[in-house]
């Protein structure tokens, strides 16, 4: 009976170790495989500074139209006021 418990215990420990190996092995993927295809290449000379004045294309175009932006800001201000009133009532 004692030998059966020892066998079960060693099988359980072995299974746990095998599972840990699989879990940790999944974390060791290459970071190069995770970068997007359209990512910029690393600079060829180490120690060079990144170009900080190069803006992405279409930077001057507004993403949200001004009318919609004003509406969103008004909704956020109203929500902020409601939360302030609710916080004041909760005290």
PDB file of N, CA and C in Angstrom:
ATOM      1  N   UNK A   1       0.827  -1.190   0.000  1.00  0.00           N
ATOM      2  CA  UNK A   1       0.000   0.000   0.000  1.00  0.00           C
ATOM      3  C   UNK A   1       0.866   1.246   0.000  1.00  0.00           C
ATOM      4  N   UNK A   2       1.976   1.180   0.745  1.00  0.00           N
ATOM      5  CA  UNK A   2       2.872   2.311   0.830  1.00  0.00           C
ATOM      6  C   UNK A   2       3.560   2.565  -0.506  1.00  0.00           C
ATOM      7  N   UNK A   3       3.895   1.517  -1.217  1.00  0.00           N
ATOM      8  CA  UNK A   3       4.568   1.664  -2.509  1.00  0.00           C
ATOM      9  C   UNK A   3       3.632   2.304  -3.526  1.00  0.00           C
ATOM     10  N   UNK A   4       2.349   1.997  -3.443  1.00  0.00           N
ATOM     11  CA  UNK A   4       1.372   2.590  -4.367  1.00  0.00           C
ATOM     12  C   UNK A   4       1.256   4.088  -4.139  1.00  0.00           C
ATOM     13  N   UNK A   5       1.269   4.511  -2.874  1.00  0.00           N
ATOM     14  CA  UNK A   5       1.204   5.946  -2.573  1.00  0.00           C
ATOM     15  C   UNK A   5       2.461   6.657  -3.062  1.00  0.00           C
ATOM     16  N   UNK A   6       3.605   6.030  -2.893  1.00  0.00           N
ATOM     17  CA  UNK A   6       4.856   6.627  -3.364  1.00  0.00           C
ATOM     18  C   UNK A   6       4.852   6.754  -4.886  1.00  0.00           C
ATOM     19  N   UNK A   7       4.313   5.734  -5.557  1.00  0.00           N
ATOM     20  CA  UNK A   7       4.228   5.778  -7.016  1.00  0.00           C
ATOM     21  C   UNK A   7       3.281   6.884  -7.464  1.00  0.00           C
ATOM     22  N   UNK A   8       2.138   7.006  -6.800  1.00  0.00           N
ATOM     23  CA  UNK A   8       1.189   8.060  -7.142  1.00  0.00           C
ATOM     24  C   UNK A   8       1.799   9.441  -6.896  1.00  0.00           C
ATOM     25  N   UNK A   9       2.503   9.570  -5.782  1.00  0.00           N
ATOM     26  CA  UNK A   9       3.114  10.850  -5.444  1.00  0.00           C
ATOM     27  C   UNK A   9       4.186  11.226  -6.464  1.00  0.00           C
ATOM     28  N   UNK A  10       5.005  10.243  -6.869  1.00  0.00           N
ATOM     29  CA  UNK A  10       6.048  10.541  -7.841  1.00  0.00           C
ATOM     30  C   UNK A  10       5.448  10.837  -9.216  1.00  0.00           C
ATOM     31  N   UNK A  11       4.364  10.164  -9.591  1.00  0.00           N
ATOM     32  CA  UNK A  11       3.690  10.469 -10.854  1.00  0.00           C
ATOM     33  C   UNK A  11       3.078  11.880 -10.825  1.00  0.00           C
ATOM     34  N   UNK A  12       2.522  12.249  -9.705  1.00  0.00           N
ATOM     35  CA  UNK A  12       1.941  13.580  -9.565  1.00  0.00           C
ATOM     36  C   UNK A  12       3.018  14.658  -9.662  1.00  0.00           C
ATOM     37  N   UNK A  13       4.130  14.448  -8.992  1.00  0.00           N
ATOM     38  CA  UNK A  13       5.238  15.410  -9.037  1.00  0.00           C
ATOM     39  C   UNK A  13       5.815  15.471 -10.449  1.00  0.00           C
ATOM     40  N   UNK A  14       5.979  14.310 -11.083  1.00  0.00           N
ATOM     41  CA  UNK A  14       6.489  14.284 -12.456  1.00  0.00           C
ATOM     42  C   UNK A  14       5.550  14.997 -13.424  1.00  0.00           C
ATOM     43  N   UNK A  15       4.258  14.793 -13.263  1.00  0.00           N
ATOM     44  CA  UNK A  15       3.291  15.485 -14.121  1.00  0.00           C
ATOM     45  C   UNK A  15       3.318  16.984 -13.906  1.00  0.00           C
ATOM     46  N   UNK A  16       3.472  17.401 -12.650  1.00  0.00           N
ATOM     47  CA  UNK A  16       3.540  18.836 -12.363  1.00  0.00           C
ATOM     48  C   UNK A  16       4.793  19.445 -12.979  1.00  0.00           C
ATOM     49  N   UNK A  17       5.916  18.725 -12.881  1.00  0.00           N
ATOM     50  CA  UNK A  17       7.148  19.232 -13.482  1.00  0.00           C
ATOM     51  C   UNK A  17       7.043  19.292 -15.004  1.00  0.00           C
ATOM     52  N   UNK A  18       6.438  18.288 -15.599  1.00  0.00           N
ATOM     53  CA  UNK A  18       6.259  18.286 -17.046  1.00  0.00           C
ATOM     54  C   UNK A  18       5.347  19.435 -17.482  1.00  0.00           C
ATOM     55  N   UNK A  19       4.296  19.665 -16.732  1.00  0.00           N
ATOM     56  CA  UNK A  19       3.414  20.795 -17.036  1.00  0.00           C
ATOM     57  C   UNK A  19       4.133  22.125 -16.911  1.00  0.00           C
ATOM     58  N   UNK A  20       4.974  22.259 -15.892  1.00  0.00           N
ATOM     59  CA  UNK A  20       5.739  23.496 -15.714  1.00  0.00           C
ATOM     60  C   UNK A  20       6.706  23.708 -16.867  1.00  0.00           C
ATOM     61  N   UNK A  21       7.297  22.623 -17.361  1.00  0.00           N
ATOM     62  CA  UNK A  21       8.213  22.735 -18.498  1.00  0.00           C
ATOM     63  C   UNK A  21       7.463  23.240 -19.723  1.00  0.00           C
ATOM     64  N   UNK A  22       6.269  22.714 -19.963  1.00  0.00           N
ATOM     65  CA  UNK A  22       5.481  23.163 -21.114  1.00  0.00           C
ATOM     66  C   UNK A  22       5.065  24.622 -20.974  1.00  0.00           C
ATOM     67  N   UNK A  23       4.662  25.008 -19.776  1.00  0.00           N
ATOM     68  CA  UNK A  23       4.242  26.398 -19.558  1.00  0.00           C
ATOM     69  C   UNK A  23       5.411  27.348 -19.756  1.00  0.00           C
ATOM     70  N   UNK A  24       6.548  27.030 -19.164  1.00  0.00           N
ATOM     71  CA  UNK A  24       7.713  27.902 -19.298  1.00  0.00           C
ATOM     72  C   UNK A  24       8.283  27.866 -20.712  1.00  0.00           C
ATOM     73  N   UNK A  25       8.154  26.758 -21.391  1.00  0.00           N
ATOM     74  CA  UNK A  25       8.618  26.669 -22.768  1.00  0.00           C
ATOM     75  C   UNK A  25       7.803  27.541 -23.702  1.00  0.00           C
ATOM     76  N   UNK A  26       6.539  27.738 -23.388  1.00  0.00           N
ATOM     77  CA  UNK A  26       5.691  28.610 -24.212  1.00  0.00           C
ATOM     78  C   UNK A  26       6.055  30.068 -24.070  1.00  0.00           C
ATOM     79  N   UNK A  27       6.722  30.432 -22.989  1.00  0.00           N
ATOM     80  CA  UNK A  27       7.111  31.823 -22.773  1.00  0.00           C
ATOM     81  C   UNK A  27       8.412  32.183 -23.476  1.00  0.00           C
ATOM     82  N   UNK A  28       9.084  31.219 -24.055  1.00  0.00           N
ATOM     83  CA  UNK A  28      10.401  31.487 -24.614  1.00  0.00           C
ATOM     84  C   UNK A  28      10.367  31.730 -26.115  1.00  0.00           C
ATOM     85  N   UNK A  29       9.266  32.276 -26.625  1.00  0.00           N
ATOM     86  CA  UNK A  29       9.203  32.546 -28.062  1.00  0.00           C
ATOM     87  C   UNK A  29      10.115  33.718 -28.403  1.00  0.00           C
ATOM     88  N   UNK A  30      10.526  33.792 -29.632  1.00  0.00           N
ATOM     89  CA  UNK A  30      11.434  34.845 -30.062  1.00  0.00           C
ATOM     90  C   UNK A  30      10.689  36.172 -30.151  1.00  0.00           C
ATOM     91  N   UNK A  31      11.298  37.219 -29.636  1.00  0.00           N
ATOM     92  CA  UNK A  31      10.680  38.534 -29.706  1.00  0.00           C
ATOM     93  C   UNK A  31      10.633  39.056 -31.132  1.00  0.00           C
ATOM     94  N   UNK A  32      11.550  38.634 -31.961  1.00  0.00           N
ATOM     95  CA  UNK A  32      11.550  39.077 -33.350  1.00  0.00           C
ATOM     96  C   UNK A  32      10.305  38.586 -34.078  1.00  0.00           C
ATOM     97  N   UNK A  33       9.775  37.468 -33.667  1.00  0.00           N
ATOM     98  CA  UNK A  33       8.561  36.955 -34.291  1.00  0.00           C
ATOM     99  C   UNK A  33       7.343  37.762 -33.885  1.00  0.00           C
ATOM    100  N   UNK A  34       7.408  38.484 -32.785  1.00  0.00           N
ATOM    101  CA  UNK A  34       6.262  39.233 -32.290  1.00  0.00           C
ATOM    102  C   UNK A  34       6.181  40.650 -32.849  1.00  0.00           C
ATOM    103  N   UNK A  35       7.209  41.138 -33.514  1.00  0.00           N
ATOM    104  CA  UNK A  35       7.177  42.493 -34.049  1.00  0.00           C
ATOM    105  C   UNK A  35       6.352  42.532 -35.319  1.00  0.00           C
ATOM    106  N   UNK A  36       5.596  43.607 -35.559  1.00  0.00           N
ATOM    107  CA  UNK A  36       4.782  43.692 -36.770  1.00  0.00           C
ATOM    108  C   UNK A  36       5.650  43.811 -38.019  1.00  0.00           C
ATOM    109  N   UNK A  37       5.078  43.449 -39.143  1.00  0.00           N
ATOM    110  CA  UNK A  37       5.828  43.450 -40.403  1.00  0.00           C
ATOM    111  C   UNK A  37       6.189  44.863 -40.845  1.00  0.00           C
ATOM    112  N   UNK A  38       5.373  45.854 -40.477  1.00  0.00           N
ATOM    113  CA  UNK A  38       5.633  47.221 -40.921  1.00  0.00           C
ATOM    114  C   UNK A  38       6.445  48.036 -39.915  1.00  0.00           C
ATOM    115  N   UNK A  39       7.086  47.372 -38.961  1.00  0.00           N
ATOM    116  CA  UNK A  39       7.893  48.070 -37.960  1.00  0.00           C
ATOM    117  C   UNK A  39       9.168  48.608 -38.609  1.00  0.00           C
ATOM    118  N   UNK A  40       9.637  49.734 -38.088  1.00  0.00           N
ATOM    119  CA  UNK A  40      10.864  50.327 -38.607  1.00  0.00           C
ATOM    120  C   UNK A  40      12.062  49.476 -38.200  1.00  0.00           C
ATOM    121  N   UNK A  41      13.045  49.454 -39.070  1.00  0.00           N
ATOM    122  CA  UNK A  41      14.259  48.695 -38.779  1.00  0.00           C
ATOM    123  C   UNK A  41      15.091  49.434 -37.732  1.00  0.00           C
ATOM    124  N   UNK A  42      15.901  48.703 -37.008  1.00  0.00           N
ATOM    125  CA  UNK A  42      16.782  49.310 -36.022  1.00  0.00           C
ATOM    126  C   UNK A  42      17.864  50.112 -36.745  1.00  0.00           C
ATOM    127  N   UNK A  43      18.350  51.188 -36.126  1.00  0.00           N
ATOM    128  CA  UNK A  43      19.427  51.945 -36.764  1.00  0.00           C
ATOM    129  C   UNK A  43      20.683  51.084 -36.921  1.00  0.00           C
ATOM    130  N   UNK A  44      21.397  51.307 -38.029  1.00  0.00           N
ATOM    131  CA  UNK A  44      22.583  50.486 -38.306  1.00  0.00           C
ATOM    132  C   UNK A  44      23.729  50.831 -37.375  1.00  0.00           C
ATOM    133  N   UNK A  45      23.864  52.113 -37.019  1.00  0.00           N
ATOM    134  CA  UNK A  45      24.922  52.511 -36.103  1.00  0.00           C
ATOM    135  C   UNK A  45      24.343  52.622 -34.701  1.00  0.00           C
ATOM    136  N   UNK A  46      24.864  51.857 -33.762  1.00  0.00           N
ATOM    137  CA  UNK A  46      24.349  51.965 -32.402  1.00  0.00           C
ATOM    138  C   UNK A  46      24.719  53.316 -31.793  1.00  0.00           C
ATOM    139  N   UNK A  47      23.838  53.827 -30.960  1.00  0.00           N
ATOM    140  CA  UNK A  47      24.112  55.075 -30.281  1.00  0.00           C
ATOM    141  C   UNK A  47      23.591  56.302 -31.014  1.00  0.00           C
ATOM    142  N   UNK A  48      22.952  56.133 -32.150  1.00  0.00           N
ATOM    143  CA  UNK A  48      22.398  57.294 -32.848  1.00  0.00           C
ATOM    144  C   UNK A  48      21.045  57.622 -32.249  1.00  0.00           C
ATOM    145  N   UNK A  49      20.692  58.891 -32.303  1.00  0.00           N
ATOM    146  CA  UNK A  49      19.425  59.329 -31.762  1.00  0.00           C
ATOM    147  C   UNK A  49      18.313  59.110 -32.773  1.00  0.00           C
ATOM    148  N   UNK A  50      17.123  58.874 -32.267  1.00  0.00           N
ATOM    149  CA  UNK A  50      15.970  58.702 -33.139  1.00  0.00           C
ATOM    150  C   UNK A  50      15.551  60.046 -33.714  1.00  0.00           C
ATOM    151  N   UNK A  51      15.008  60.083 -34.924  1.00  0.00           N
ATOM    152  CA  UNK A  51      14.562  61.342 -35.511  1.00  0.00           C
ATOM    153  C   UNK A  51      13.277  61.827 -34.823  1.00  0.00           C
ATOM    154  N   UNK A  52      13.405  62.829 -33.963  1.00  0.00           N
ATOM    155  CA  UNK A  52      12.249  63.293 -33.200  1.00  0.00           C
ATOM    156  C   UNK A  52      11.394  64.287 -33.978  1.00  0.00           C
ATOM    157  N   UNK A  53      11.927  64.875 -35.039  1.00  0.00           N
ATOM    158  CA  UNK A  53      11.166  65.872 -35.780  1.00  0.00           C
ATOM    159  C   UNK A  53      10.423  65.284 -36.965  1.00  0.00           C
ATOM    160  N   UNK A  54      10.608  64.008 -37.255  1.00  0.00           N
ATOM    161  CA  UNK A  54       9.887  63.368 -38.341  1.00  0.00           C
ATOM    162  C   UNK A  54       8.496  62.999 -37.846  1.00  0.00           C
ATOM    163  N   UNK A  55       7.487  63.636 -38.399  1.00  0.00           N
ATOM    164  CA  UNK A  55       6.114  63.370 -38.003  1.00  0.00           C
ATOM    165  C   UNK A  55       5.512  62.314 -38.918  1.00  0.00           C
ATOM    166  N   UNK A  56       4.563  61.551 -38.403  1.00  0.00           N
ATOM    167  CA  UNK A  56       3.902  60.577 -39.261  1.00  0.00           C
ATOM    168  C   UNK A  56       3.080  61.292 -40.328  1.00  0.00           C
ATOM    169  N   UNK A  57       2.781  60.630 -41.442  1.00  0.00           N
ATOM    170  CA  UNK A  57       2.000  61.279 -42.491  1.00  0.00           C
ATOM    171  C   UNK A  57       0.592  61.610 -42.006  1.00  0.00           C
ATOM    172  N   UNK A  58       0.001  62.650 -42.598  1.00  0.00           N
ATOM    173  CA  UNK A  58      -1.361  63.111 -42.286  1.00  0.00           C
ATOM    174  C   UNK A  58      -1.501  63.546 -40.833  1.00  0.00           C
ATOM    175  N   UNK A  59      -0.448  64.073 -40.248  1.00  0.00           N
ATOM    176  CA  UNK A  59      -0.499  64.510 -38.861  1.00  0.00           C
ATOM    177  C   UNK A  59      -1.341  65.775 -38.703  1.00  0.00           C
ATOM    178  N   UNK A  60      -1.425  66.597 -39.764  1.00  0.00           N
ATOM    179  CA  UNK A  60      -2.143  67.864 -39.646  1.00  0.00           C
ATOM    180  C   UNK A  60      -3.654  67.705 -39.770  1.00  0.00           C
ATOM    181  N   UNK A  61      -4.144  66.548 -40.169  1.00  0.00           N
ATOM    182  CA  UNK A  61      -5.579  66.339 -40.291  1.00  0.00           C
ATOM    183  C   UNK A  61      -6.161  65.931 -38.949  1.00  0.00           C
ATOM    184  N   UNK A  62      -7.329  66.503 -38.618  1.00  0.00           N
ATOM    185  CA  UNK A  62      -7.990  66.181 -37.362  1.00  0.00           C
ATOM    186  C   UNK A  62      -8.602  64.793 -37.445  1.00  0.00           C
ATOM    187  N   UNK A  63      -8.439  64.026 -36.402  1.00  0.00           N
ATOM    188  CA  UNK A  63      -8.999  62.681 -36.377  1.00  0.00           C
ATOM    189  C   UNK A  63     -10.490  62.752 -36.091  1.00  0.00           C
ATOM    190  N   UNK A  64     -10.874  63.613 -35.166  1.00  0.00           N
ATOM    191  CA  UNK A  64     -12.283  63.800 -34.806  1.00  0.00           C
ATOM    192  C   UNK A  64     -12.711  65.180 -35.293  1.00  0.00           C
ATOM    193  N   UNK A  65     -13.841  65.257 -35.995  1.00  0.00           N
ATOM    194  CA  UNK A  65     -14.322  66.571 -36.444  1.00  0.00           C
ATOM    195  C   UNK A  65     -14.588  67.491 -35.251  1.00  0.00           C
ATOM    196  N   UNK A  66     -14.416  68.807 -35.418  1.00  0.00           N
ATOM    197  CA  UNK A  66     -14.579  69.735 -34.292  1.00  0.00           C
ATOM    198  C   UNK A  66     -15.972  69.684 -33.649  1.00  0.00           C
ATOM    199  N   UNK A  67     -17.024  69.473 -34.446  1.00  0.00           N
ATOM    200  CA  UNK A  67     -18.377  69.418 -33.867  1.00  0.00           C
ATOM    201  C   UNK A  67     -18.518  68.205 -32.945  1.00  0.00           C
ATOM    202  N   UNK A  68     -18.011  67.064 -33.401  1.00  0.00           N
ATOM    203  CA  UNK A  68     -18.094  65.857 -32.597  1.00  0.00           C
ATOM    204  C   UNK A  68     -17.202  65.975 -31.357  1.00  0.00           C
ATOM    205  N   UNK A  69     -16.052  66.629 -31.499  1.00  0.00           N
ATOM    206  CA  UNK A  69     -15.160  66.828 -30.356  1.00  0.00           C
ATOM    207  C   UNK A  69     -15.831  67.694 -29.291  1.00  0.00           C
ATOM    208  N   UNK A  70     -16.521  68.770 -29.726  1.00  0.00           N
ATOM    209  CA  UNK A  70     -17.222  69.632 -28.773  1.00  0.00           C
ATOM    210  C   UNK A  70     -18.326  68.866 -28.061  1.00  0.00           C
ATOM    211  N   UNK A  71     -19.039  68.005 -28.804  1.00  0.00           N
ATOM    212  CA  UNK A  71     -20.109  67.209 -28.201  1.00  0.00           C
ATOM    213  C   UNK A  71     -19.535  66.248 -27.152  1.00  0.00           C
ATOM    214  N   UNK A  72     -18.420  65.604 -27.465  1.00  0.00           N
ATOM    215  CA  UNK A  72     -17.799  64.666 -26.528  1.00  0.00           C
ATOM    216  C   UNK A  72     -17.306  65.399 -25.282  1.00  0.00           C
ATOM    217  N   UNK A  73     -16.699  66.570 -25.481  1.00  0.00           N
ATOM    218  CA  UNK A  73     -16.218  67.338 -24.327  1.00  0.00           C
ATOM    219  C   UNK A  73     -17.368  67.776 -23.437  1.00  0.00           C
ATOM    220  N   UNK A  74     -18.514  68.151 -24.053  1.00  0.00           N
ATOM    221  CA  UNK A  74     -19.680  68.542 -23.256  1.00  0.00           C
ATOM    222  C   UNK A  74     -20.217  67.345 -22.471  1.00  0.00           C
ATOM    223  N   UNK A  75     -20.254  66.176 -23.088  1.00  0.00           N
ATOM    224  CA  UNK A  75     -20.724  64.982 -22.392  1.00  0.00           C
ATOM    225  C   UNK A  75     -19.795  64.624 -21.234  1.00  0.00           C
ATOM    226  N   UNK A  76     -18.488  64.759 -21.443  1.00  0.00           N
ATOM    227  CA  UNK A  76     -17.536  64.469 -20.369  1.00  0.00           C
ATOM    228  C   UNK A  76     -17.670  65.462 -19.220  1.00  0.00           C
ATOM    229  N   UNK A  77     -17.885  66.737 -19.550  1.00  0.00           N
ATOM    230  CA  UNK A  77     -18.060  67.745 -18.499  1.00  0.00           C
ATOM    231  C   UNK A  77     -19.325  67.469 -17.695  1.00  0.00           C
ATOM    232  N   UNK A  78     -20.403  67.069 -18.382  1.00  0.00           N
ATOM    233  CA  UNK A  78     -21.653  66.755 -17.685  1.00  0.00           C
ATOM    234  C   UNK A  78     -21.471  65.528 -16.787  1.00  0.00           C
ATOM    235  N   UNK A  79     -20.748  64.523 -17.274  1.00  0.00           N
ATOM    236  CA  UNK A  79     -20.506  63.332 -16.461  1.00  0.00           C
ATOM    237  C   UNK A  79     -19.650  63.678 -15.246  1.00  0.00           C
ATOM    238  N   UNK A  80     -18.662  64.555 -15.426  1.00  0.00           N
ATOM    239  CA  UNK A  80     -17.812  64.974 -14.315  1.00  0.00           C
ATOM    240  C   UNK A  80     -18.641  65.704 -13.257  1.00  0.00           C
ATOM    241  N   UNK A  81     -19.579  66.548 -13.694  1.00  0.00           N
ATOM    242  CA  UNK A  81     -20.438  67.263 -12.747  1.00  0.00           C
ATOM    243  C   UNK A  81     -21.340  66.290 -11.991  1.00  0.00           C
ATOM    244  N   UNK A  82     -21.892  65.291 -12.711  1.00  0.00           N
ATOM    245  CA  UNK A  82     -22.758  64.306 -12.044  1.00  0.00           C
ATOM    246  C   UNK A  82     -21.961  63.510 -11.008  1.00  0.00           C
ATOM    247  N   UNK A  83     -20.724  63.164 -11.322  1.00  0.00           N
ATOM    248  CA  UNK A  83     -19.910  62.413 -10.371  1.00  0.00           C
ATOM    249  C   UNK A  83     -19.537  63.267  -9.160  1.00  0.00           C
ATOM    250  N   UNK A  84     -19.288  64.558  -9.393  1.00  0.00           N
ATOM    251  CA  UNK A  84     -18.978  65.446  -8.272  1.00  0.00           C
ATOM    252  C   UNK A  84     -20.179  65.575  -7.339  1.00  0.00           C
ATOM    253  N   UNK A  85     -21.370  65.683  -7.921  1.00  0.00           N
ATOM    254  CA  UNK A  85     -22.583  65.791  -7.100  1.00  0.00           C
ATOM    255  C   UNK A  85     -22.818  64.485  -6.336  1.00  0.00           C
ATOM    256  N   UNK A  86     -22.627  63.348  -7.023  1.00  0.00           N
ATOM    257  CA  UNK A  86     -22.808  62.056  -6.362  1.00  0.00           C
ATOM    258  C   UNK A  86     -21.792  61.853  -5.232  1.00  0.00           C
ATOM    259  N   UNK A  87     -20.566  62.313  -5.435  1.00  0.00           N
ATOM    260  CA  UNK A  87     -19.554  62.182  -4.399  1.00  0.00           C
ATOM    261  C   UNK A  87     -19.870  63.084  -3.217  1.00  0.00           C
ATOM    262  N   UNK A  88     -20.401  64.254  -3.510  1.00  0.00           N
ATOM    263  CA  UNK A  88     -20.760  65.174  -2.438  1.00  0.00           C
ATOM    264  C   UNK A  88     -21.934  64.631  -1.637  1.00  0.00           C
ATOM    265  N   UNK A  89     -22.909  64.006  -2.301  1.00  0.00           N
ATOM    266  CA  UNK A  89     -24.059  63.421  -1.611  1.00  0.00           C
ATOM    267  C   UNK A  89     -23.672  62.192  -0.795  1.00  0.00           C
ATOM    268  N   UNK A  90     -22.634  61.474  -1.231  1.00  0.00           N
ATOM    269  CA  UNK A  90     -22.213  60.271  -0.533  1.00  0.00           C
ATOM    270  C   UNK A  90     -21.516  60.589   0.781  1.00  0.00           C
ATOM    271  N   UNK A  91     -20.990  61.788   0.927  1.00  0.00           N
ATOM    272  CA  UNK A  91     -20.276  62.160   2.160  1.00  0.00           C
ATOM    273  C   UNK A  91     -21.198  62.481   3.277  1.00  0.00           C
TER     274      UNK A  91
END
